[in-house]
């Protein structure tokens, strides 16, 4: 298992400068943003996918530093009811899959997407309850008329390029928990799995350890990000909190650097459970902790996780 970083965190630096910095901190792999919501701070898939010289530069920049690329990320909403927006996110995805093949990367990360409530919608509509019955009708239409046909087609496309799709379960999109992740995989193809990010599960009341066990071979990639729940605010307002992320004092939950939402015992179990299901890929640090600078959060996460991963490896060697 390798420790990685979602490199968009250091988008103010050039690709080479960012790689030097994370390498010096003790990271072994990088996840590179290529479009969608993460943007194209280091690599624009659409611009470079047919540029052999640019692709060679990216590959050399990574490999010459002894690093690997764990995944290319283009988190977007290809099911957006605005056709122009959907087309743009889809083009990012297509270019990223093609670029992944040329770089020898086997995993592309994105979101499942979320349609509107009908063909006439302007904005996505995320259904969170079953009543009034209109909502179930909307949900049925979103899955059967939009999401499943789209992802069946993308599954076939990705199979041609030898690339797996790691869908990040995220509230606001059709795939947001274990059940919906497994449904999309069953309906669309087994080359569709998950980018497992526990931070989005904690605040919904899920147990990430049990989710890992249930997902098993569907775990294609992993993010390391923590969440802290404010018990008083949860008690008053529940967890469906739409306050801005900067309103930390009044929110029911906020994202934290690993170890600041859940203790070492949880993260030990997290790494061990990933090993139990056969995952030996990258644990990629993602930083969205509004109480720490990017550099501080990144450094703390590297120190925290490298210790756990090294102890796991030592235990595995002893057991063998």
Foldseek 3Di string as FASTA:
>chain_A
DFAEAAQLLPLVDEPLVSLVVVVVLPGAEYEYEQAAPSHQSHHPLVVCLPPPVVLVVNLCSAVVSNHYYAEYEHAHALQELPPVRNVRSVSSVLSRLSSCLVSVHAEYEYALHFYPQDNPDHGGDFQDDPPPVSSVVSLVCRVPVTRLVVLLVVVVVSVVSNHAYAHEQAPVGQRNALVSQVVSCVRRHVSYAHAAECQSVVLVPDQSLVSCVSRQPRHSHYEAKHKAADVVLCVVPNRPDPDDQVPVVNHRMHIAQPCPRDHLVSVLSVVVSCVVSPDDGYHYYDDDGPVDRSVVSVSVNSVSVVVSVVVVVVVVVVVD
